[in-house]
Amino acid sequence: MRKEKMFAMRMSLPDYERIHRKAEQAGMSMTGFLTLSALEKSIVVVNGLDNATAELKAIGRNLNQITTLCNMGKIRCPDLNEVQKVRRGVRFPVWPDGPGLTDGNCLRG
């Protein structure tokens, strides 16, 4: 969305630092953070997904390579049991004090 209006405001240094810290933790600019906060939209930060995302991308690349080899006729009937074991072991923290999604609850295979 195009930003057409400029808005300036004054606040105490502690408030500024606290808002700035929260915006950084959310990976957002202060403008974006304050706009979403003021419009009563939820700002959800889930820490620790970088490693899980990297692992899932690697698994996806491996599966794509296997699929390509199958389609080329270079391999037949690959054993995906090990892939299933790895996938079942991946846990995602969904909320800070709650359980994560694991096993086949979110992925069917």
PDB file of N, CA and C in Angstrom:
ATOM      1  N   MET A   1       0.848  -1.174   0.000  1.00  0.00           N
ATOM      2  CA  MET A   1       0.000   0.000   0.000  1.00  0.00           C
ATOM      3  C   MET A   1       0.897   1.241   0.000  1.00  0.00           C
ATOM      4  N   ARG A   2       0.542   2.211  -0.785  1.00  0.00           N
ATOM      5  CA  ARG A   2       1.306   3.448  -0.871  1.00  0.00           C
ATOM      6  C   ARG A   2       1.070   4.301   0.362  1.00  0.00           C
ATOM      7  N   LYS A   3       2.161   4.809   0.928  1.00  0.00           N
ATOM      8  CA  LYS A   3       2.059   5.654   2.117  1.00  0.00           C
ATOM      9  C   LYS A   3       2.037   7.101   1.675  1.00  0.00           C
ATOM     10  N   GLU A   4       0.922   7.772   1.928  1.00  0.00           N
ATOM     11  CA  GLU A   4       0.725   9.134   1.431  1.00  0.00           C
ATOM     12  C   GLU A   4       0.838  10.193   2.519  1.00  0.00           C
ATOM     13  N   LYS A   5       0.685   9.817   3.762  1.00  0.00           N
ATOM     14  CA  LYS A   5       0.643  10.797   4.853  1.00  0.00           C
ATOM     15  C   LYS A   5       1.840  10.621   5.779  1.00  0.00           C
ATOM     16  N   MET A   6       2.358  11.739   6.248  1.00  0.00           N
ATOM     17  CA  MET A   6       3.438  11.746   7.224  1.00  0.00           C
ATOM     18  C   MET A   6       2.816  12.018   8.585  1.00  0.00           C
ATOM     19  N   PHE A   7       3.268  11.299   9.611  1.00  0.00           N
ATOM     20  CA  PHE A   7       2.722  11.464  10.954  1.00  0.00           C
ATOM     21  C   PHE A   7       3.896  11.535  11.923  1.00  0.00           C
ATOM     22  N   ALA A   8       3.989  12.610  12.673  1.00  0.00           N
ATOM     23  CA  ALA A   8       5.061  12.771  13.656  1.00  0.00           C
ATOM     24  C   ALA A   8       4.446  12.783  15.042  1.00  0.00           C
ATOM     25  N   MET A   9       5.198  12.259  16.005  1.00  0.00           N
ATOM     26  CA  MET A   9       4.693  12.245  17.376  1.00  0.00           C
ATOM     27  C   MET A   9       5.862  12.315  18.346  1.00  0.00           C
ATOM     28  N   ARG A  10       5.569  12.714  19.555  1.00  0.00           N
ATOM     29  CA  ARG A  10       6.582  12.779  20.610  1.00  0.00           C
ATOM     30  C   ARG A  10       6.260  11.718  21.653  1.00  0.00           C
ATOM     31  N   MET A  11       7.332  11.162  22.201  1.00  0.00           N
ATOM     32  CA  MET A  11       7.175  10.168  23.266  1.00  0.00           C
ATOM     33  C   MET A  11       8.425  10.188  24.123  1.00  0.00           C
ATOM     34  N   SER A  12       8.340   9.556  25.280  1.00  0.00           N
ATOM     35  CA  SER A  12       9.499   9.500  26.164  1.00  0.00           C
ATOM     36  C   SER A  12      10.534   8.547  25.574  1.00  0.00           C
ATOM     37  N   LEU A  13      11.765   8.729  25.971  1.00  0.00           N
ATOM     38  CA  LEU A  13      12.848   7.866  25.492  1.00  0.00           C
ATOM     39  C   LEU A  13      12.602   6.400  25.867  1.00  0.00           C
ATOM     40  N   PRO A  14      12.171   6.110  27.109  1.00  0.00           N
ATOM     41  CA  PRO A  14      11.901   4.699  27.439  1.00  0.00           C
ATOM     42  C   PRO A  14      10.808   4.078  26.564  1.00  0.00           C
ATOM     43  N   ASP A  15       9.743   4.860  26.273  1.00  0.00           N
ATOM     44  CA  ASP A  15       8.686   4.337  25.402  1.00  0.00           C
ATOM     45  C   ASP A  15       9.225   4.085  24.000  1.00  0.00           C
ATOM     46  N   TYR A  16      10.008   5.045  23.496  1.00  0.00           N
ATOM     47  CA  TYR A  16      10.591   4.893  22.156  1.00  0.00           C
ATOM     48  C   TYR A  16      11.452   3.628  22.088  1.00  0.00           C
ATOM     49  N   GLU A  17      12.313   3.450  23.094  1.00  0.00           N
ATOM     50  CA  GLU A  17      13.216   2.291  23.098  1.00  0.00           C
ATOM     51  C   GLU A  17      12.435   0.984  23.198  1.00  0.00           C
ATOM     52  N   ARG A  18      11.380   0.982  23.988  1.00  0.00           N
ATOM     53  CA  ARG A  18      10.558  -0.227  24.135  1.00  0.00           C
ATOM     54  C   ARG A  18       9.845  -0.572  22.819  1.00  0.00           C
ATOM     55  N   ILE A  19       9.270   0.431  22.170  1.00  0.00           N
ATOM     56  CA  ILE A  19       8.593   0.199  20.888  1.00  0.00           C
ATOM     57  C   ILE A  19       9.599  -0.241  19.832  1.00  0.00           C
ATOM     58  N   HIS A  20      10.753   0.422  19.814  1.00  0.00           N
ATOM     59  CA  HIS A  20      11.799   0.069  18.848  1.00  0.00           C
ATOM     60  C   HIS A  20      12.241  -1.379  19.044  1.00  0.00           C
ATOM     61  N   ARG A  21      12.429  -1.779  20.291  1.00  0.00           N
ATOM     62  CA  ARG A  21      12.846  -3.159  20.603  1.00  0.00           C
ATOM     63  C   ARG A  21      11.783  -4.161  20.152  1.00  0.00           C
ATOM     64  N   LYS A  22      10.512  -3.845  20.419  1.00  0.00           N
ATOM     65  CA  LYS A  22       9.427  -4.747  20.005  1.00  0.00           C
ATOM     66  C   LYS A  22       9.345  -4.845  18.478  1.00  0.00           C
ATOM     67  N   ALA A  23       9.527  -3.731  17.791  1.00  0.00           N
ATOM     68  CA  ALA A  23       9.504  -3.744  16.329  1.00  0.00           C
ATOM     69  C   ALA A  23      10.649  -4.592  15.789  1.00  0.00           C
ATOM     70  N   GLU A  24      11.843  -4.452  16.372  1.00  0.00           N
ATOM     71  CA  GLU A  24      12.989  -5.261  15.945  1.00  0.00           C
ATOM     72  C   GLU A  24      12.727  -6.746  16.182  1.00  0.00           C
ATOM     73  N   GLN A  25      12.168  -7.084  17.343  1.00  0.00           N
ATOM     74  CA  GLN A  25      11.866  -8.478  17.660  1.00  0.00           C
ATOM     75  C   GLN A  25      10.864  -9.065  16.674  1.00  0.00           C
ATOM     76  N   ALA A  26       9.961  -8.221  16.181  1.00  0.00           N
ATOM     77  CA  ALA A  26       8.957  -8.668  15.214  1.00  0.00           C
ATOM     78  C   ALA A  26       9.511  -8.640  13.793  1.00  0.00           C
ATOM     79  N   GLY A  27      10.727  -8.110  13.630  1.00  0.00           N
ATOM     80  CA  GLY A  27      11.310  -8.013  12.301  1.00  0.00           C
ATOM     81  C   GLY A  27      10.595  -6.993  11.433  1.00  0.00           C
ATOM     82  N   MET A  28      10.141  -5.925  12.065  1.00  0.00           N
ATOM     83  CA  MET A  28       9.351  -4.913  11.351  1.00  0.00           C
ATOM     84  C   MET A  28       9.971  -3.538  11.547  1.00  0.00           C
ATOM     85  N   SER A  29       9.590  -2.611  10.672  1.00  0.00           N
ATOM     86  CA  SER A  29       9.958  -1.210  10.877  1.00  0.00           C
ATOM     87  C   SER A  29       9.056  -0.664  11.986  1.00  0.00           C
ATOM     88  N   MET A  30       9.477   0.449  12.560  1.00  0.00           N
ATOM     89  CA  MET A  30       8.626   1.055  13.592  1.00  0.00           C
ATOM     90  C   MET A  30       7.311   1.510  12.985  1.00  0.00           C
ATOM     91  N   THR A  31       7.346   2.032  11.758  1.00  0.00           N
ATOM     92  CA  THR A  31       6.110   2.468  11.091  1.00  0.00           C
ATOM     93  C   THR A  31       5.144   1.304  10.941  1.00  0.00           C
ATOM     94  N   GLY A  32       5.646   0.195  10.431  1.00  0.00           N
ATOM     95  CA  GLY A  32       4.787  -0.973  10.243  1.00  0.00           C
ATOM     96  C   GLY A  32       4.255  -1.511  11.556  1.00  0.00           C
ATOM     97  N   PHE A  33       5.133  -1.574  12.560  1.00  0.00           N
ATOM     98  CA  PHE A  33       4.737  -2.089  13.868  1.00  0.00           C
ATOM     99  C   PHE A  33       3.665  -1.206  14.509  1.00  0.00           C
ATOM    100  N   LEU A  34       3.893   0.109  14.512  1.00  0.00           N
ATOM    101  CA  LEU A  34       2.926   1.026  15.126  1.00  0.00           C
ATOM    102  C   LEU A  34       1.601   1.033  14.367  1.00  0.00           C
ATOM    103  N   THR A  35       1.666   0.945  13.041  1.00  0.00           N
ATOM    104  CA  THR A  35       0.432   0.933  12.249  1.00  0.00           C
ATOM    105  C   THR A  35      -0.401  -0.304  12.579  1.00  0.00           C
ATOM    106  N   LEU A  36       0.223  -1.470  12.574  1.00  0.00           N
ATOM    107  CA  LEU A  36      -0.523  -2.694  12.888  1.00  0.00           C
ATOM    108  C   LEU A  36      -1.040  -2.675  14.327  1.00  0.00           C
ATOM    109  N   SER A  37      -0.212  -2.176  15.244  1.00  0.00           N
ATOM    110  CA  SER A  37      -0.638  -2.107  16.649  1.00  0.00           C
ATOM    111  C   SER A  37      -1.824  -1.167  16.819  1.00  0.00           C
ATOM    112  N   ALA A  38      -1.770  -0.023  16.172  1.00  0.00           N
ATOM    113  CA  ALA A  38      -2.835   0.969  16.312  1.00  0.00           C
ATOM    114  C   ALA A  38      -4.137   0.503  15.671  1.00  0.00           C
ATOM    115  N   LEU A  39      -4.033  -0.328  14.647  1.00  0.00           N
ATOM    116  CA  LEU A  39      -5.231  -0.812  13.965  1.00  0.00           C
ATOM    117  C   LEU A  39      -5.762  -2.101  14.587  1.00  0.00           C
ATOM    118  N   GLU A  40      -5.244  -2.424  15.777  1.00  0.00           N
ATOM    119  CA  GLU A  40      -5.687  -3.579  16.562  1.00  0.00           C
ATOM    120  C   GLU A  40      -5.536  -4.903  15.806  1.00  0.00           C
ATOM    121  N   LYS A  41      -4.505  -4.992  14.996  1.00  0.00           N
ATOM    122  CA  LYS A  41      -4.213  -6.247  14.312  1.00  0.00           C
ATOM    123  C   LYS A  41      -3.167  -6.978  15.136  1.00  0.00           C
ATOM    124  N   SER A  42      -3.282  -8.278  15.213  1.00  0.00           N
ATOM    125  CA  SER A  42      -2.351  -9.070  15.998  1.00  0.00           C
ATOM    126  C   SER A  42      -0.984  -9.103  15.329  1.00  0.00           C
ATOM    127  N   ILE A  43       0.042  -8.983  16.142  1.00  0.00           N
ATOM    128  CA  ILE A  43       1.410  -9.137  15.674  1.00  0.00           C
ATOM    129  C   ILE A  43       1.949 -10.372  16.387  1.00  0.00           C
ATOM    130  N   VAL A  44       2.153 -11.432  15.639  1.00  0.00           N
ATOM    131  CA  VAL A  44       2.597 -12.701  16.209  1.00  0.00           C
ATOM    132  C   VAL A  44       4.029 -12.954  15.768  1.00  0.00           C
ATOM    133  N   VAL A  45       4.904 -13.197  16.731  1.00  0.00           N
ATOM    134  CA  VAL A  45       6.298 -13.503  16.445  1.00  0.00           C
ATOM    135  C   VAL A  45       6.555 -14.924  16.909  1.00  0.00           C
ATOM    136  N   VAL A  46       7.017 -15.762  16.000  1.00  0.00           N
ATOM    137  CA  VAL A  46       7.349 -17.142  16.340  1.00  0.00           C
ATOM    138  C   VAL A  46       8.854 -17.292  16.175  1.00  0.00           C
ATOM    139  N   ASN A  47       9.555 -17.435  17.291  1.00  0.00           N
ATOM    140  CA  ASN A  47      11.005 -17.578  17.250  1.00  0.00           C
ATOM    141  C   ASN A  47      11.390 -19.022  16.966  1.00  0.00           C
ATOM    142  N   GLY A  48      12.525 -19.193  16.332  1.00  0.00           N
ATOM    143  CA  GLY A  48      13.076 -20.524  16.131  1.00  0.00           C
ATOM    144  C   GLY A  48      12.621 -21.232  14.874  1.00  0.00           C
ATOM    145  N   LEU A  49      11.929 -20.541  13.977  1.00  0.00           N
ATOM    146  CA  LEU A  49      11.477 -21.204  12.757  1.00  0.00           C
ATOM    147  C   LEU A  49      12.546 -21.233  11.669  1.00  0.00           C
ATOM    148  N   ASP A  50      13.607 -20.450  11.821  1.00  0.00           N
ATOM    149  CA  ASP A  50      14.650 -20.415  10.795  1.00  0.00           C
ATOM    150  C   ASP A  50      15.260 -21.787  10.569  1.00  0.00           C
ATOM    151  N   ASN A  51      15.608 -22.484  11.648  1.00  0.00           N
ATOM    152  CA  ASN A  51      16.217 -23.811  11.512  1.00  0.00           C
ATOM    153  C   ASN A  51      15.241 -24.816  10.925  1.00  0.00           C
ATOM    154  N   ALA A  52      13.996 -24.790  11.389  1.00  0.00           N
ATOM    155  CA  ALA A  52      13.000 -25.725  10.881  1.00  0.00           C
ATOM    156  C   ALA A  52      12.713 -25.452   9.407  1.00  0.00           C
ATOM    157  N   THR A  53      12.653 -24.185   9.026  1.00  0.00           N
ATOM    158  CA  THR A  53      12.411 -23.832   7.630  1.00  0.00           C
ATOM    159  C   THR A  53      13.547 -24.310   6.743  1.00  0.00           C
ATOM    160  N   ALA A  54      14.782 -24.124   7.185  1.00  0.00           N
ATOM    161  CA  ALA A  54      15.945 -24.576   6.409  1.00  0.00           C
ATOM    162  C   ALA A  54      15.923 -26.089   6.242  1.00  0.00           C
ATOM    163  N   GLU A  55      15.581 -26.799   7.320  1.00  0.00           N
ATOM    164  CA  GLU A  55      15.524 -28.259   7.259  1.00  0.00           C
ATOM    165  C   GLU A  55      14.427 -28.734   6.308  1.00  0.00           C
ATOM    166  N   LEU A  56      13.262 -28.098   6.383  1.00  0.00           N
ATOM    167  CA  LEU A  56      12.168 -28.474   5.487  1.00  0.00           C
ATOM    168  C   LEU A  56      12.499 -28.178   4.026  1.00  0.00           C
ATOM    169  N   LYS A  57      13.191 -27.073   3.777  1.00  0.00           N
ATOM    170  CA  LYS A  57      13.605 -26.762   2.408  1.00  0.00           C
ATOM    171  C   LYS A  57      14.561 -27.827   1.879  1.00  0.00           C
ATOM    172  N   ALA A  58      15.494 -28.271   2.731  1.00  0.00           N
ATOM    173  CA  ALA A  58      16.439 -29.311   2.319  1.00  0.00           C
ATOM    174  C   ALA A  58      15.709 -30.615   2.009  1.00  0.00           C
ATOM    175  N   ILE A  59      14.739 -30.969   2.840  1.00  0.00           N
ATOM    176  CA  ILE A  59      13.950 -32.178   2.596  1.00  0.00           C
ATOM    177  C   ILE A  59      13.179 -32.043   1.289  1.00  0.00           C
ATOM    178  N   GLY A  60      12.607 -30.864   1.048  1.00  0.00           N
ATOM    179  CA  GLY A  60      11.868 -30.617  -0.189  1.00  0.00           C
ATOM    180  C   GLY A  60      12.759 -30.739  -1.412  1.00  0.00           C
ATOM    181  N   ARG A  61      13.981 -30.192  -1.321  1.00  0.00           N
ATOM    182  CA  ARG A  61      14.918 -30.318  -2.448  1.00  0.00           C
ATOM    183  C   ARG A  61      15.253 -31.777  -2.713  1.00  0.00           C
ATOM    184  N   ASN A  62      15.480 -32.539  -1.646  1.00  0.00           N
ATOM    185  CA  ASN A  62      15.785 -33.964  -1.814  1.00  0.00           C
ATOM    186  C   ASN A  62      14.621 -34.704  -2.466  1.00  0.00           C
ATOM    187  N   LEU A  63      13.411 -34.411  -2.034  1.00  0.00           N
ATOM    188  CA  LEU A  63      12.244 -35.066  -2.629  1.00  0.00           C
ATOM    189  C   LEU A  63      12.086 -34.688  -4.105  1.00  0.00           C
ATOM    190  N   ASN A  64      12.370 -33.439  -4.428  1.00  0.00           N
ATOM    191  CA  ASN A  64      12.300 -33.017  -5.831  1.00  0.00           C
ATOM    192  C   ASN A  64      13.339 -33.740  -6.680  1.00  0.00           C
ATOM    193  N   GLN A  65      14.529 -33.939  -6.123  1.00  0.00           N
ATOM    194  CA  GLN A  65      15.568 -34.659  -6.856  1.00  0.00           C
ATOM    195  C   GLN A  65      15.155 -36.118  -7.076  1.00  0.00           C
ATOM    196  N   ILE A  66      14.570 -36.735  -6.056  1.00  0.00           N
ATOM    197  CA  ILE A  66      14.101 -38.123  -6.190  1.00  0.00           C
ATOM    198  C   ILE A  66      13.011 -38.200  -7.252  1.00  0.00           C
ATOM    199  N   THR A  67      12.085 -37.251  -7.225  1.00  0.00           N
ATOM    200  CA  THR A  67      11.006 -37.226  -8.212  1.00  0.00           C
ATOM    201  C   THR A  67      11.557 -37.084  -9.625  1.00  0.00           C
ATOM    202  N   THR A  68      12.535 -36.213  -9.804  1.00  0.00           N
ATOM    203  CA  THR A  68      13.148 -36.022 -11.119  1.00  0.00           C
ATOM    204  C   THR A  68      13.798 -37.317 -11.598  1.00  0.00           C
ATOM    205  N   LEU A  69      14.531 -37.976 -10.698  1.00  0.00           N
ATOM    206  CA  LEU A  69      15.185 -39.239 -11.081  1.00  0.00           C
ATOM    207  C   LEU A  69      14.161 -40.317 -11.421  1.00  0.00           C
ATOM    208  N   CYS A  70      13.054 -40.361 -10.690  1.00  0.00           N
ATOM    209  CA  CYS A  70      11.988 -41.326 -10.995  1.00  0.00           C
ATOM    210  C   CYS A  70      11.390 -41.036 -12.369  1.00  0.00           C
ATOM    211  N   ASN A  71      11.113 -39.762 -12.634  1.00  0.00           N
ATOM    212  CA  ASN A  71      10.523 -39.384 -13.913  1.00  0.00           C
ATOM    213  C   ASN A  71      11.473 -39.647 -15.077  1.00  0.00           C
ATOM    214  N   MET A  72      12.783 -39.587 -14.831  1.00  0.00           N
ATOM    215  CA  MET A  72      13.771 -39.859 -15.874  1.00  0.00           C
ATOM    216  C   MET A  72      13.979 -41.359 -16.072  1.00  0.00           C
ATOM    217  N   GLY A  73      13.426 -42.153 -15.161  1.00  0.00           N
ATOM    218  CA  GLY A  73      13.590 -43.597 -15.249  1.00  0.00           C
ATOM    219  C   GLY A  73      14.913 -44.098 -14.703  1.00  0.00           C
ATOM    220  N   LYS A  74      15.651 -43.263 -13.988  1.00  0.00           N
ATOM    221  CA  LYS A  74      16.957 -43.661 -13.453  1.00  0.00           C
ATOM    222  C   LYS A  74      16.839 -44.461 -12.164  1.00  0.00           C
ATOM    223  N   ILE A  75      15.752 -44.262 -11.422  1.00  0.00           N
ATOM    224  CA  ILE A  75      15.506 -45.072 -10.226  1.00  0.00           C
ATOM    225  C   ILE A  75      14.050 -45.507 -10.233  1.00  0.00           C
ATOM    226  N   ARG A  76      13.797 -46.602  -9.512  1.00  0.00           N
ATOM    227  CA  ARG A  76      12.430 -47.115  -9.387  1.00  0.00           C
ATOM    228  C   ARG A  76      12.118 -47.337  -7.917  1.00  0.00           C
ATOM    229  N   CYS A  77      10.907 -47.082  -7.578  1.00  0.00           N
ATOM    230  CA  CYS A  77      10.383 -47.378  -6.246  1.00  0.00           C
ATOM    231  C   CYS A  77      11.359 -46.994  -5.129  1.00  0.00           C
ATOM    232  N   PRO A  78      11.643 -45.700  -4.964  1.00  0.00           N
ATOM    233  CA  PRO A  78      12.567 -45.306  -3.895  1.00  0.00           C
ATOM    234  C   PRO A  78      11.973 -45.603  -2.521  1.00  0.00           C
ATOM    235  N   ASP A  79      12.844 -45.957  -1.592  1.00  0.00           N
ATOM    236  CA  ASP A  79      12.420 -46.238  -0.222  1.00  0.00           C
ATOM    237  C   ASP A  79      12.340 -44.906   0.525  1.00  0.00           C
ATOM    238  N   LEU A  80      11.144 -44.466   0.843  1.00  0.00           N
ATOM    239  CA  LEU A  80      10.942 -43.183   1.515  1.00  0.00           C
ATOM    240  C   LEU A  80      10.679 -43.331   3.008  1.00  0.00           C
ATOM    241  N   ASN A  81      10.934 -44.521   3.553  1.00  0.00           N
ATOM    242  CA  ASN A  81      10.712 -44.730   4.994  1.00  0.00           C
ATOM    243  C   ASN A  81      11.565 -43.791   5.837  1.00  0.00           C
ATOM    244  N   GLU A  82      12.821 -43.577   5.432  1.00  0.00           N
ATOM    245  CA  GLU A  82      13.699 -42.691   6.194  1.00  0.00           C
ATOM    246  C   GLU A  82      13.196 -41.251   6.137  1.00  0.00           C
ATOM    247  N   VAL A  83      12.679 -40.840   4.986  1.00  0.00           N
ATOM    248  CA  VAL A  83      12.113 -39.490   4.853  1.00  0.00           C
ATOM    249  C   VAL A  83      10.917 -39.334   5.790  1.00  0.00           C
ATOM    250  N   GLN A  84      10.076 -40.350   5.856  1.00  0.00           N
ATOM    251  CA  GLN A  84       8.906 -40.301   6.758  1.00  0.00           C
ATOM    252  C   GLN A  84       9.352 -40.168   8.214  1.00  0.00           C
ATOM    253  N   LYS A  85      10.420 -40.893   8.593  1.00  0.00           N
ATOM    254  CA  LYS A  85      10.908 -40.813   9.976  1.00  0.00           C
ATOM    255  C   LYS A  85      11.390 -39.403  10.299  1.00  0.00           C
ATOM    256  N   VAL A  86      12.139 -38.797   9.366  1.00  0.00           N
ATOM    257  CA  VAL A  86      12.647 -37.439   9.590  1.00  0.00           C
ATOM    258  C   VAL A  86      11.490 -36.460   9.686  1.00  0.00           C
ATOM    259  N   ARG A  87      10.532 -36.570   8.770  1.00  0.00           N
ATOM    260  CA  ARG A  87       9.382 -35.661   8.770  1.00  0.00           C
ATOM    261  C   ARG A  87       8.609 -35.765  10.076  1.00  0.00           C
ATOM    262  N   ARG A  88       8.443 -36.970  10.579  1.00  0.00           N
ATOM    263  CA  ARG A  88       7.700 -37.145  11.838  1.00  0.00           C
ATOM    264  C   ARG A  88       8.444 -36.547  13.026  1.00  0.00           C
ATOM    265  N   GLY A  89       9.762 -36.436  12.928  1.00  0.00           N
ATOM    266  CA  GLY A  89      10.552 -35.907  14.033  1.00  0.00           C
ATOM    267  C   GLY A  89      10.627 -34.403  14.075  1.00  0.00           C
ATOM    268  N   VAL A  90      10.164 -33.720  13.025  1.00  0.00           N
ATOM    269  CA  VAL A  90      10.224 -32.265  12.989  1.00  0.00           C
ATOM    270  C   VAL A  90       9.099 -31.693  13.841  1.00  0.00           C
ATOM    271  N   ARG A  91       9.463 -30.807  14.771  1.00  0.00           N
ATOM    272  CA  ARG A  91       8.474 -30.157  15.634  1.00  0.00           C
ATOM    273  C   ARG A  91       8.467 -28.675  15.349  1.00  0.00           C
ATOM    274  N   PHE A  92       7.281 -28.087  15.335  1.00  0.00           N
ATOM    275  CA  PHE A  92       7.134 -26.659  15.136  1.00  0.00           C
ATOM    276  C   PHE A  92       6.530 -26.051  16.390  1.00  0.00           C
ATOM    277  N   PRO A  93       7.220 -25.075  17.005  1.00  0.00           N
ATOM    278  CA  PRO A  93       6.586 -24.390  18.139  1.00  0.00           C
ATOM    279  C   PRO A  93       5.465 -23.501  17.617  1.00  0.00           C
ATOM    280  N   VAL A  94       4.249 -23.813  18.001  1.00  0.00           N
ATOM    281  CA  VAL A  94       3.101 -23.070  17.484  1.00  0.00           C
ATOM    282  C   VAL A  94       2.793 -21.880  18.380  1.00  0.00           C
ATOM    283  N   TRP A  95       2.869 -22.060  19.657  1.00  0.00           N
ATOM    284  CA  TRP A  95       2.693 -20.960  20.595  1.00  0.00           C
ATOM    285  C   TRP A  95       3.635 -21.226  21.756  1.00  0.00           C
ATOM    286  N   PRO A  96       4.046 -20.146  22.464  1.00  0.00           N
ATOM    287  CA  PRO A  96       5.115 -20.271  23.459  1.00  0.00           C
ATOM    288  C   PRO A  96       4.893 -21.356  24.510  1.00  0.00           C
ATOM    289  N   ASP A  97       3.705 -21.445  25.093  1.00  0.00           N
ATOM    290  CA  ASP A  97       3.494 -22.387  26.182  1.00  0.00           C
ATOM    291  C   ASP A  97       2.673 -23.597  25.768  1.00  0.00           C
ATOM    292  N   GLY A  98       2.439 -23.730  24.481  1.00  0.00           N
ATOM    293  CA  GLY A  98       1.573 -24.817  24.030  1.00  0.00           C
ATOM    294  C   GLY A  98       2.334 -25.874  23.283  1.00  0.00           C
ATOM    295  N   PRO A  99       1.632 -26.924  22.888  1.00  0.00           N
ATOM    296  CA  PRO A  99       2.284 -28.009  22.167  1.00  0.00           C
ATOM    297  C   PRO A  99       2.585 -27.611  20.730  1.00  0.00           C
ATOM    298  N   GLY A 100       3.524 -28.311  20.129  1.00  0.00           N
ATOM    299  CA  GLY A 100       3.835 -28.091  18.725  1.00  0.00           C
ATOM    300  C   GLY A 100       3.106 -29.112  17.879  1.00  0.00           C
ATOM    301  N   LEU A 101       3.115 -28.905  16.583  1.00  0.00           N
ATOM    302  CA  LEU A 101       2.542 -29.881  15.677  1.00  0.00           C
ATOM    303  C   LEU A 101       3.607 -30.916  15.377  1.00  0.00           C
ATOM    304  N   THR A 102       3.262 -32.159  15.448  1.00  0.00           N
ATOM    305  CA  THR A 102       4.238 -33.204  15.175  1.00  0.00           C
ATOM    306  C   THR A 102       3.532 -34.389  14.574  1.00  0.00           C
ATOM    307  N   ASP A 103       4.284 -35.379  14.194  1.00  0.00           N
ATOM    308  CA  ASP A 103       3.786 -36.598  13.571  1.00  0.00           C
ATOM    309  C   ASP A 103       2.992 -36.234  12.314  1.00  0.00           C
ATOM    310  N   GLY A 104       1.899 -36.884  12.032  1.00  0.00           N
ATOM    311  CA  GLY A 104       1.183 -36.655  10.795  1.00  0.00           C
ATOM    312  C   GLY A 104      -0.009 -35.737  10.937  1.00  0.00           C
ATOM    313  N   ASN A 105      -0.081 -34.971  12.018  1.00  0.00           N
ATOM    314  CA  ASN A 105      -1.252 -34.144  12.254  1.00  0.00           C
ATOM    315  C   ASN A 105      -1.439 -33.054  11.214  1.00  0.00           C
ATOM    316  N   CYS A 106      -0.327 -32.511  10.710  1.00  0.00           N
ATOM    317  CA  CYS A 106      -0.474 -31.419   9.755  1.00  0.00           C
ATOM    318  C   CYS A 106      -0.021 -31.832   8.362  1.00  0.00           C
ATOM    319  N   LEU A 107       0.685 -32.923   8.252  1.00  0.00           N
ATOM    320  CA  LEU A 107       1.153 -33.398   6.948  1.00  0.00           C
ATOM    321  C   LEU A 107       0.720 -34.847   6.776  1.00  0.00           C
ATOM    322  N   ARG A 108       0.073 -35.142   5.708  1.00  0.00           N
ATOM    323  CA  ARG A 108      -0.330 -36.514   5.434  1.00  0.00           C
ATOM    324  C   ARG A 108       0.560 -37.088   4.357  1.00  0.00           C
ATOM    325  N   GLY A 109       1.021 -38.286   4.522  1.00  0.00           N
ATOM    326  CA  GLY A 109       1.919 -38.842   3.522  1.00  0.00           C
ATOM    327  C   GLY A 109       1.718 -40.304   3.311  1.00  0.00           C
TER     328      GLY A 109
END
